[in-house]
Amino acid sequence: MNSKPSQPIAGQCLPNEHQLHRRLFLKGLTGGTLATVASFEGLFHNPVFAAETKKAQKHCILLWLCGAPSQFETWDPKPGRPSGGPFGSIPTKIPGIHFSSLMPRCAGIADKLNIVRSMKTAQTEHLQAITLLQRGNPERAGFTRPTLGSSLSQAIGQLDSPIPNFIFLDPIPGGNEFESFKAGNWAGWLGAEHAPVRLGGDYTPFANAALESIPQHDRESRETLRRFLTSKYERDRKSVVARGQNAAFERMKGMTASADLFDVKKLPARDRERYGPGSFAQHSLMARHLVENGAPFVMVANGMNWDNHVFQHEIHQMLVPELDRVLFHLVNDLEQSGLLDSTLVIAMGEFGRTPWLNPARGRDHYPNAWSMMMTGCGLKRGVVTGATDPDGVDVIEKAYNEQNLFATIFTALGINPYAEYDLPGMPTFHRVENKAEPIRDLLA
């Protein structure tokens, strides 16, 4: 018997040629076009395609420091100056760069981080500033632009994933005093399917939506009827509202099947101890866990803790060490698991704090010159860009605004920042308007 493997006949294709041509197909799906290829959903059952898609998937974790931290007590200290405060500064792993002495852990991994010290935006009040920094472009009357999370849900979301494409972990899940953080129109014109799933409180584990009082077969029959009626209504009326409702039901069904992913108490006790006991720390750990299991975008908020109009130094002395610890473990954990190369991590608020103290020994709102951190996917590491004057009153080198920031985020994640939204009958809108340049010092 001939033991040699049979050779292909001329013109006959090899078996592996029947597998998906990875590069060409993924090239066709990059740049935010996933939302328009629902007809290809069956491909996710192809194991070759599923494996390659998971390997190519991008993620983003936004640590939203609501209320706005002081740049002087974090990334841009001014020791010995009237604006400097009592904490001083410490050297970092980047030669010549100092962080606040309240951030020793981040100083030790500064070569893994990127700091922008020259953010300069226009809004001085929380509501308007949150809207600006969450949506990335100035408001246009009569139109609601999607937030970053919703835009990324559309651009890098996975069609077959039971995990929501936009997860918002918030210690005040009912919303705080600012309307931007209540159950508002986060998704704008993208529709309800790109709105956030919001969890929080006492590290809220996702509640199983299936009522035990209703038998399984009865639940399935009800769901089949609901899907039939709402799908028919959506087709017949071409209803955007019905489409969003159907997407929400499907999302909740998928979440029920993966409910354990949303219970931080099921993570190893050692990890929970490392990150710390507070809700912000535990939610950040949960964000890491969700990204490890495929979540495209997770936003972690901390209420309004950073709005320190009173006793600035005392309150930051409590808050900054928690942020320092969380960033240290989050960045190191993602790096060790190999996920930092595909996960963009951002830590920022809606503006900075004044270089002077008010009569109540607090720092007030200050958008003229402030700092933020970003690292991971698509970025260099160990870069500090921009500069402020000796007292931090104004930017003296490389001022960046919200459009520069969003162009950087989209570019780092492999998304065209200038692509137009498909909005029939509406004016032209782009992900980033005015062709604003990304922060090129940071891009790999």
Foldseek 3Di string as FASTA:
>chain_A
DDPDDDDDDPPDDDPCVPDDPLPVVVVVQAQLCPLVPVVCVVCCVVVVNVVSLLVLAFAEEEAAAALAAAQCQFQAAQPPDQLHDDFDWDAAPQPPGTTTPLQPLCSDVQQQWEKEFFAFEDDQDRQLLCQCLQQLDHDDPPFRGAGPQLSLCRRRNDPPALAQQEEEEELCQCADPHPVNHPDCRNTPVALLSDYDYHYHQLDQDDQPDDPVADPVRVVVVVVVVCVVLVVVCVVVVDRNSVNVVSVVSSSVSCNVVRVLSRLVPDDPVQCVQLHDDRQSSVLVSVLSVVVVPHRYYYYYYHNQNNWLAPNVVSCSVVSNSVSSSVSVSSVVCVVVVNLQRYKYWYTYSAHFDSHHDPRRTTGGDNATGMIMMGGAQWRGSHYAWDAPSSRHHTDHDYDYSLLDQCQVCVSNRHHQFDWDPDPPDDTDGSGPPCHHHPVSIGD
